[in-house]
Amino acid sequence: MSRTVIDVDDQMLAFAQQQLGTTTKRDTINRALTIAAAISADDRARALRWLQENADDFLDFQVLADREQAGL
């Protein structure tokens, strides 16, 4: 294991700790790295297919188009 000094977004770290159920920075970062490494390209492709097939149920494309046109 190596020691690395990095700048971490404190709000994002707190959110990640809440989501992952961890209490230390070390545990949170190691758990997030483990999860990220475990997500295969196949998993990402499956998730993208699911989103493409189900996007209409979750996204209001007119609202998104209006926001894009307004520069938001």
PDB file of N, CA and C in Angstrom:
ATOM      1  N   MET A   1       0.851  -1.164   0.000  1.00  0.00           N
ATOM      2  CA  MET A   1       0.000   0.000   0.000  1.00  0.00           C
ATOM      3  C   MET A   1       0.900   1.230   0.000  1.00  0.00           C
ATOM      4  N   SER A   2       0.510   2.245  -0.753  1.00  0.00           N
ATOM      5  CA  SER A   2       1.303   3.466  -0.816  1.00  0.00           C
ATOM      6  C   SER A   2       0.571   4.610  -0.131  1.00  0.00           C
ATOM      7  N   ARG A   3       1.326   5.607   0.256  1.00  0.00           N
ATOM      8  CA  ARG A   3       0.767   6.805   0.877  1.00  0.00           C
ATOM      9  C   ARG A   3       0.791   7.911  -0.165  1.00  0.00           C
ATOM     10  N   THR A   4      -0.363   8.586  -0.342  1.00  0.00           N
ATOM     11  CA  THR A   4      -0.502   9.637  -1.331  1.00  0.00           C
ATOM     12  C   THR A   4      -1.199  10.829  -0.701  1.00  0.00           C
ATOM     13  N   VAL A   5      -0.681  12.009  -0.959  1.00  0.00           N
ATOM     14  CA  VAL A   5      -1.310  13.227  -0.472  1.00  0.00           C
ATOM     15  C   VAL A   5      -2.102  13.830  -1.622  1.00  0.00           C
ATOM     16  N   ILE A   6      -3.419  14.009  -1.406  1.00  0.00           N
ATOM     17  CA  ILE A   6      -4.283  14.564  -2.450  1.00  0.00           C
ATOM     18  C   ILE A   6      -5.249  15.563  -1.837  1.00  0.00           C
ATOM     19  N   ASP A   7      -5.776  16.439  -2.669  1.00  0.00           N
ATOM     20  CA  ASP A   7      -6.852  17.337  -2.265  1.00  0.00           C
ATOM     21  C   ASP A   7      -8.165  16.630  -2.554  1.00  0.00           C
ATOM     22  N   VAL A   8      -9.066  16.614  -1.570  1.00  0.00           N
ATOM     23  CA  VAL A   8     -10.344  15.933  -1.703  1.00  0.00           C
ATOM     24  C   VAL A   8     -11.457  16.928  -1.422  1.00  0.00           C
ATOM     25  N   ASP A   9     -12.487  16.901  -2.250  1.00  0.00           N
ATOM     26  CA  ASP A   9     -13.679  17.725  -2.041  1.00  0.00           C
ATOM     27  C   ASP A   9     -14.393  17.215  -0.784  1.00  0.00           C
ATOM     28  N   ASP A  10     -14.403  18.016   0.277  1.00  0.00           N
ATOM     29  CA  ASP A  10     -14.963  17.582   1.558  1.00  0.00           C
ATOM     30  C   ASP A  10     -16.447  17.256   1.478  1.00  0.00           C
ATOM     31  N   GLN A  11     -17.193  18.024   0.709  1.00  0.00           N
ATOM     32  CA  GLN A  11     -18.624  17.744   0.572  1.00  0.00           C
ATOM     33  C   GLN A  11     -18.858  16.430  -0.170  1.00  0.00           C
ATOM     34  N   MET A  12     -18.087  16.194  -1.215  1.00  0.00           N
ATOM     35  CA  MET A  12     -18.227  14.950  -1.967  1.00  0.00           C
ATOM     36  C   MET A  12     -17.793  13.764  -1.117  1.00  0.00           C
ATOM     37  N   LEU A  13     -16.754  13.950  -0.333  1.00  0.00           N
ATOM     38  CA  LEU A  13     -16.298  12.884   0.553  1.00  0.00           C
ATOM     39  C   LEU A  13     -17.388  12.540   1.568  1.00  0.00           C
ATOM     40  N   ALA A  14     -18.001  13.550   2.167  1.00  0.00           N
ATOM     41  CA  ALA A  14     -19.070  13.316   3.144  1.00  0.00           C
ATOM     42  C   ALA A  14     -20.241  12.586   2.489  1.00  0.00           C
ATOM     43  N   PHE A  15     -20.586  12.982   1.267  1.00  0.00           N
ATOM     44  CA  PHE A  15     -21.672  12.314   0.547  1.00  0.00           C
ATOM     45  C   PHE A  15     -21.304  10.861   0.262  1.00  0.00           C
ATOM     46  N   ALA A  16     -20.068  10.637  -0.182  1.00  0.00           N
ATOM     47  CA  ALA A  16     -19.617   9.270  -0.474  1.00  0.00           C
ATOM     48  C   ALA A  16     -19.636   8.422   0.802  1.00  0.00           C
ATOM     49  N   GLN A  17     -19.206   9.006   1.924  1.00  0.00           N
ATOM     50  CA  GLN A  17     -19.231   8.269   3.188  1.00  0.00           C
ATOM     51  C   GLN A  17     -20.656   7.857   3.540  1.00  0.00           C
ATOM     52  N   GLN A  18     -21.580   8.761   3.346  1.00  0.00           N
ATOM     53  CA  GLN A  18     -22.986   8.473   3.629  1.00  0.00           C
ATOM     54  C   GLN A  18     -23.483   7.347   2.715  1.00  0.00           C
ATOM     55  N   GLN A  19     -23.179   7.436   1.440  1.00  0.00           N
ATOM     56  CA  GLN A  19     -23.653   6.449   0.473  1.00  0.00           C
ATOM     57  C   GLN A  19     -23.005   5.082   0.674  1.00  0.00           C
ATOM     58  N   LEU A  20     -21.730   5.085   1.053  1.00  0.00           N
ATOM     59  CA  LEU A  20     -20.991   3.830   1.176  1.00  0.00           C
ATOM     60  C   LEU A  20     -21.024   3.254   2.585  1.00  0.00           C
ATOM     61  N   GLY A  21     -21.493   4.041   3.546  1.00  0.00           N
ATOM     62  CA  GLY A  21     -21.543   3.567   4.926  1.00  0.00           C
ATOM     63  C   GLY A  21     -20.177   3.477   5.581  1.00  0.00           C
ATOM     64  N   THR A  22     -19.261   4.333   5.168  1.00  0.00           N
ATOM     65  CA  THR A  22     -17.914   4.343   5.737  1.00  0.00           C
ATOM     66  C   THR A  22     -17.757   5.539   6.667  1.00  0.00           C
ATOM     67  N   THR A  23     -16.726   5.493   7.516  1.00  0.00           N
ATOM     68  CA  THR A  23     -16.540   6.581   8.478  1.00  0.00           C
ATOM     69  C   THR A  23     -15.198   7.291   8.346  1.00  0.00           C
ATOM     70  N   THR A  24     -14.237   6.675   7.661  1.00  0.00           N
ATOM     71  CA  THR A  24     -12.933   7.314   7.514  1.00  0.00           C
ATOM     72  C   THR A  24     -12.670   7.635   6.050  1.00  0.00           C
ATOM     73  N   LYS A  25     -11.793   8.601   5.834  1.00  0.00           N
ATOM     74  CA  LYS A  25     -11.414   8.956   4.467  1.00  0.00           C
ATOM     75  C   LYS A  25     -10.789   7.748   3.773  1.00  0.00           C
ATOM     76  N   ARG A  26      -9.905   7.083   4.476  1.00  0.00           N
ATOM     77  CA  ARG A  26      -9.213   5.927   3.899  1.00  0.00           C
ATOM     78  C   ARG A  26     -10.206   4.846   3.459  1.00  0.00           C
ATOM     79  N   ASP A  27     -11.118   4.485   4.355  1.00  0.00           N
ATOM     80  CA  ASP A  27     -12.094   3.455   4.011  1.00  0.00           C
ATOM     81  C   ASP A  27     -12.987   3.886   2.849  1.00  0.00           C
ATOM     82  N   THR A  28     -13.380   5.152   2.849  1.00  0.00           N
ATOM     83  CA  THR A  28     -14.257   5.662   1.791  1.00  0.00           C
ATOM     84  C   THR A  28     -13.565   5.598   0.442  1.00  0.00           C
ATOM     85  N   ILE A  29     -12.339   6.072   0.380  1.00  0.00           N
ATOM     86  CA  ILE A  29     -11.606   6.085  -0.884  1.00  0.00           C
ATOM     87  C   ILE A  29     -11.307   4.663  -1.350  1.00  0.00           C
ATOM     88  N   ASN A  30     -10.885   3.791  -0.429  1.00  0.00           N
ATOM     89  CA  ASN A  30     -10.599   2.408  -0.825  1.00  0.00           C
ATOM     90  C   ASN A  30     -11.863   1.688  -1.288  1.00  0.00           C
ATOM     91  N   ARG A  31     -12.994   1.918  -0.620  1.00  0.00           N
ATOM     92  CA  ARG A  31     -14.240   1.278  -1.046  1.00  0.00           C
ATOM     93  C   ARG A  31     -14.645   1.793  -2.426  1.00  0.00           C
ATOM     94  N   ALA A  32     -14.540   3.108  -2.650  1.00  0.00           N
ATOM     95  CA  ALA A  32     -14.890   3.683  -3.950  1.00  0.00           C
ATOM     96  C   ALA A  32     -13.984   3.132  -5.048  1.00  0.00           C
ATOM     97  N   LEU A  33     -12.705   2.985  -4.762  1.00  0.00           N
ATOM     98  CA  LEU A  33     -11.778   2.423  -5.750  1.00  0.00           C
ATOM     99  C   LEU A  33     -12.122   0.971  -6.055  1.00  0.00           C
ATOM    100  N   THR A  34     -12.492   0.219  -5.042  1.00  0.00           N
ATOM    101  CA  THR A  34     -12.883  -1.174  -5.241  1.00  0.00           C
ATOM    102  C   THR A  34     -14.113  -1.275  -6.126  1.00  0.00           C
ATOM    103  N   ILE A  35     -15.085  -0.431  -5.859  1.00  0.00           N
ATOM    104  CA  ILE A  35     -16.311  -0.432  -6.664  1.00  0.00           C
ATOM    105  C   ILE A  35     -16.003  -0.029  -8.101  1.00  0.00           C
ATOM    106  N   ALA A  36     -15.209   1.029  -8.262  1.00  0.00           N
ATOM    107  CA  ALA A  36     -14.879   1.493  -9.613  1.00  0.00           C
ATOM    108  C   ALA A  36     -14.130   0.429 -10.394  1.00  0.00           C
ATOM    109  N   ALA A  37     -13.218  -0.273  -9.740  1.00  0.00           N
ATOM    110  CA  ALA A  37     -12.441  -1.306 -10.425  1.00  0.00           C
ATOM    111  C   ALA A  37     -13.301  -2.510 -10.782  1.00  0.00           C
ATOM    112  N   ALA A  38     -14.369  -2.742 -10.022  1.00  0.00           N
ATOM    113  CA  ALA A  38     -15.210  -3.913 -10.259  1.00  0.00           C
ATOM    114  C   ALA A  38     -16.217  -3.718 -11.374  1.00  0.00           C
ATOM    115  N   ILE A  39     -16.448  -2.483 -11.748  1.00  0.00           N
ATOM    116  CA  ILE A  39     -17.433  -2.215 -12.792  1.00  0.00           C
ATOM    117  C   ILE A  39     -16.786  -2.468 -14.151  1.00  0.00           C
ATOM    118  N   SER A  40     -17.239  -3.504 -14.791  1.00  0.00           N
ATOM    119  CA  SER A  40     -16.641  -3.892 -16.068  1.00  0.00           C
ATOM    120  C   SER A  40     -17.267  -3.115 -17.222  1.00  0.00           C
ATOM    121  N   ALA A  41     -16.619  -3.196 -18.337  1.00  0.00           N
ATOM    122  CA  ALA A  41     -17.149  -2.561 -19.547  1.00  0.00           C
ATOM    123  C   ALA A  41     -18.515  -3.142 -19.888  1.00  0.00           C
ATOM    124  N   ASP A  42     -18.704  -4.438 -19.645  1.00  0.00           N
ATOM    125  CA  ASP A  42     -20.005  -5.055 -19.906  1.00  0.00           C
ATOM    126  C   ASP A  42     -21.089  -4.454 -19.021  1.00  0.00           C
ATOM    127  N   ASP A  43     -20.748  -4.213 -17.752  1.00  0.00           N
ATOM    128  CA  ASP A  43     -21.717  -3.600 -16.841  1.00  0.00           C
ATOM    129  C   ASP A  43     -22.097  -2.202 -17.322  1.00  0.00           C
ATOM    130  N   ARG A  44     -21.095  -1.442 -17.746  1.00  0.00           N
ATOM    131  CA  ARG A  44     -21.370  -0.089 -18.238  1.00  0.00           C
ATOM    132  C   ARG A  44     -22.231  -0.135 -19.487  1.00  0.00           C
ATOM    133  N   ALA A  45     -21.937  -1.077 -20.393  1.00  0.00           N
ATOM    134  CA  ALA A  45     -22.724  -1.209 -21.625  1.00  0.00           C
ATOM    135  C   ALA A  45     -24.165  -1.595 -21.302  1.00  0.00           C
ATOM    136  N   ARG A  46     -24.344  -2.522 -20.345  1.00  0.00           N
ATOM    137  CA  ARG A  46     -25.698  -2.917 -19.927  1.00  0.00           C
ATOM    138  C   ARG A  46     -26.445  -1.735 -19.333  1.00  0.00           C
ATOM    139  N   ALA A  47     -25.767  -0.960 -18.510  1.00  0.00           N
ATOM    140  CA  ALA A  47     -26.402   0.199 -17.889  1.00  0.00           C
ATOM    141  C   ALA A  47     -26.793   1.230 -18.944  1.00  0.00           C
ATOM    142  N   LEU A  48     -25.930   1.451 -19.923  1.00  0.00           N
ATOM    143  CA  LEU A  48     -26.240   2.403 -20.981  1.00  0.00           C
ATOM    144  C   LEU A  48     -27.432   1.928 -21.806  1.00  0.00           C
ATOM    145  N   ARG A  49     -27.465   0.637 -22.135  1.00  0.00           N
ATOM    146  CA  ARG A  49     -28.619   0.094 -22.870  1.00  0.00           C
ATOM    147  C   ARG A  49     -29.902   0.282 -22.071  1.00  0.00           C
ATOM    148  N   TRP A  50     -29.837  -0.001 -20.769  1.00  0.00           N
ATOM    149  CA  TRP A  50     -31.027   0.144 -19.924  1.00  0.00           C
ATOM    150  C   TRP A  50     -31.489   1.599 -19.927  1.00  0.00           C
ATOM    151  N   LEU A  51     -30.527   2.528 -19.790  1.00  0.00           N
ATOM    152  CA  LEU A  51     -30.883   3.944 -19.778  1.00  0.00           C
ATOM    153  C   LEU A  51     -31.509   4.355 -21.109  1.00  0.00           C
ATOM    154  N   GLN A  52     -30.940   3.896 -22.203  1.00  0.00           N
ATOM    155  CA  GLN A  52     -31.495   4.227 -23.512  1.00  0.00           C
ATOM    156  C   GLN A  52     -32.911   3.691 -23.665  1.00  0.00           C
ATOM    157  N   GLU A  53     -33.151   2.489 -23.156  1.00  0.00           N
ATOM    158  CA  GLU A  53     -34.470   1.873 -23.282  1.00  0.00           C
ATOM    159  C   GLU A  53     -35.502   2.493 -22.335  1.00  0.00           C
ATOM    160  N   ASN A  54     -35.046   3.051 -21.213  1.00  0.00           N
ATOM    161  CA  ASN A  54     -35.965   3.530 -20.183  1.00  0.00           C
ATOM    162  C   ASN A  54     -35.924   5.029 -19.947  1.00  0.00           C
ATOM    163  N   ALA A  55     -35.152   5.741 -20.735  1.00  0.00           N
ATOM    164  CA  ALA A  55     -34.970   7.173 -20.509  1.00  0.00           C
ATOM    165  C   ALA A  55     -36.287   7.941 -20.526  1.00  0.00           C
ATOM    166  N   ASP A  56     -37.191   7.554 -21.394  1.00  0.00           N
ATOM    167  CA  ASP A  56     -38.471   8.261 -21.483  1.00  0.00           C
ATOM    168  C   ASP A  56     -39.255   8.217 -20.174  1.00  0.00           C
ATOM    169  N   ASP A  57     -39.037   7.175 -19.376  1.00  0.00           N
ATOM    170  CA  ASP A  57     -39.744   7.040 -18.105  1.00  0.00           C
ATOM    171  C   ASP A  57     -39.177   7.965 -17.025  1.00  0.00           C
ATOM    172  N   PHE A  58     -37.945   8.449 -17.212  1.00  0.00           N
ATOM    173  CA  PHE A  58     -37.274   9.201 -16.163  1.00  0.00           C
ATOM    174  C   PHE A  58     -36.893  10.624 -16.553  1.00  0.00           C
ATOM    175  N   LEU A  59     -36.780  10.893 -17.840  1.00  0.00           N
ATOM    176  CA  LEU A  59     -36.306  12.193 -18.295  1.00  0.00           C
ATOM    177  C   LEU A  59     -37.383  12.908 -19.101  1.00  0.00           C
ATOM    178  N   ASP A  60     -37.505  14.188 -18.867  1.00  0.00           N
ATOM    179  CA  ASP A  60     -38.406  15.024 -19.655  1.00  0.00           C
ATOM    180  C   ASP A  60     -37.539  15.709 -20.710  1.00  0.00           C
ATOM    181  N   PHE A  61     -37.542  15.146 -21.914  1.00  0.00           N
ATOM    182  CA  PHE A  61     -36.645  15.632 -22.949  1.00  0.00           C
ATOM    183  C   PHE A  61     -36.978  17.047 -23.398  1.00  0.00           C
ATOM    184  N   GLN A  62     -38.221  17.452 -23.299  1.00  0.00           N
ATOM    185  CA  GLN A  62     -38.577  18.829 -23.661  1.00  0.00           C
ATOM    186  C   GLN A  62     -37.953  19.816 -22.680  1.00  0.00           C
ATOM    187  N   VAL A  63     -37.983  19.489 -21.402  1.00  0.00           N
ATOM    188  CA  VAL A  63     -37.349  20.345 -20.386  1.00  0.00           C
ATOM    189  C   VAL A  63     -35.855  20.437 -20.651  1.00  0.00           C
ATOM    190  N   LEU A  64     -35.227  19.302 -20.959  1.00  0.00           N
ATOM    191  CA  LEU A  64     -33.794  19.312 -21.252  1.00  0.00           C
ATOM    192  C   LEU A  64     -33.482  20.147 -22.487  1.00  0.00           C
ATOM    193  N   ALA A  65     -34.295  20.015 -23.525  1.00  0.00           N
ATOM    194  CA  ALA A  65     -34.085  20.785 -24.751  1.00  0.00           C
ATOM    195  C   ALA A  65     -34.268  22.276 -24.481  1.00  0.00           C
ATOM    196  N   ASP A  66     -35.288  22.631 -23.712  1.00  0.00           N
ATOM    197  CA  ASP A  66     -35.518  24.032 -23.374  1.00  0.00           C
ATOM    198  C   ASP A  66     -34.355  24.612 -22.583  1.00  0.00           C
ATOM    199  N   ARG A  67     -33.838  23.849 -21.641  1.00  0.00           N
ATOM    200  CA  ARG A  67     -32.691  24.314 -20.831  1.00  0.00           C
ATOM    201  C   ARG A  67     -31.444  24.477 -21.696  1.00  0.00           C
ATOM    202  N   GLU A  68     -31.248  23.547 -22.598  1.00  0.00           N
ATOM    203  CA  GLU A  68     -30.082  23.647 -23.486  1.00  0.00           C
ATOM    204  C   GLU A  68     -30.203  24.878 -24.384  1.00  0.00           C
ATOM    205  N   GLN A  69     -31.388  25.096 -24.918  1.00  0.00           N
ATOM    206  CA  GLN A  69     -31.603  26.244 -25.801  1.00  0.00           C
ATOM    207  C   GLN A  69     -31.411  27.563 -25.045  1.00  0.00           C
ATOM    208  N   ALA A  70     -31.790  27.568 -23.765  1.00  0.00           N
ATOM    209  CA  ALA A  70     -31.656  28.767 -22.949  1.00  0.00           C
ATOM    210  C   ALA A  70     -30.224  28.948 -22.433  1.00  0.00           C
ATOM    211  N   GLY A  71     -29.371  27.970 -22.719  1.00  0.00           N
ATOM    212  CA  GLY A  71     -27.973  28.077 -22.307  1.00  0.00           C
ATOM    213  C   GLY A  71     -27.756  27.729 -20.837  1.00  0.00           C
ATOM    214  N   LEU A  72     -28.672  26.964 -20.281  1.00  0.00           N
ATOM    215  CA  LEU A  72     -28.550  26.581 -18.861  1.00  0.00           C
ATOM    216  C   LEU A  72     -27.848  25.274 -18.690  1.00  0.00           C
TER     217      LEU A  72
END
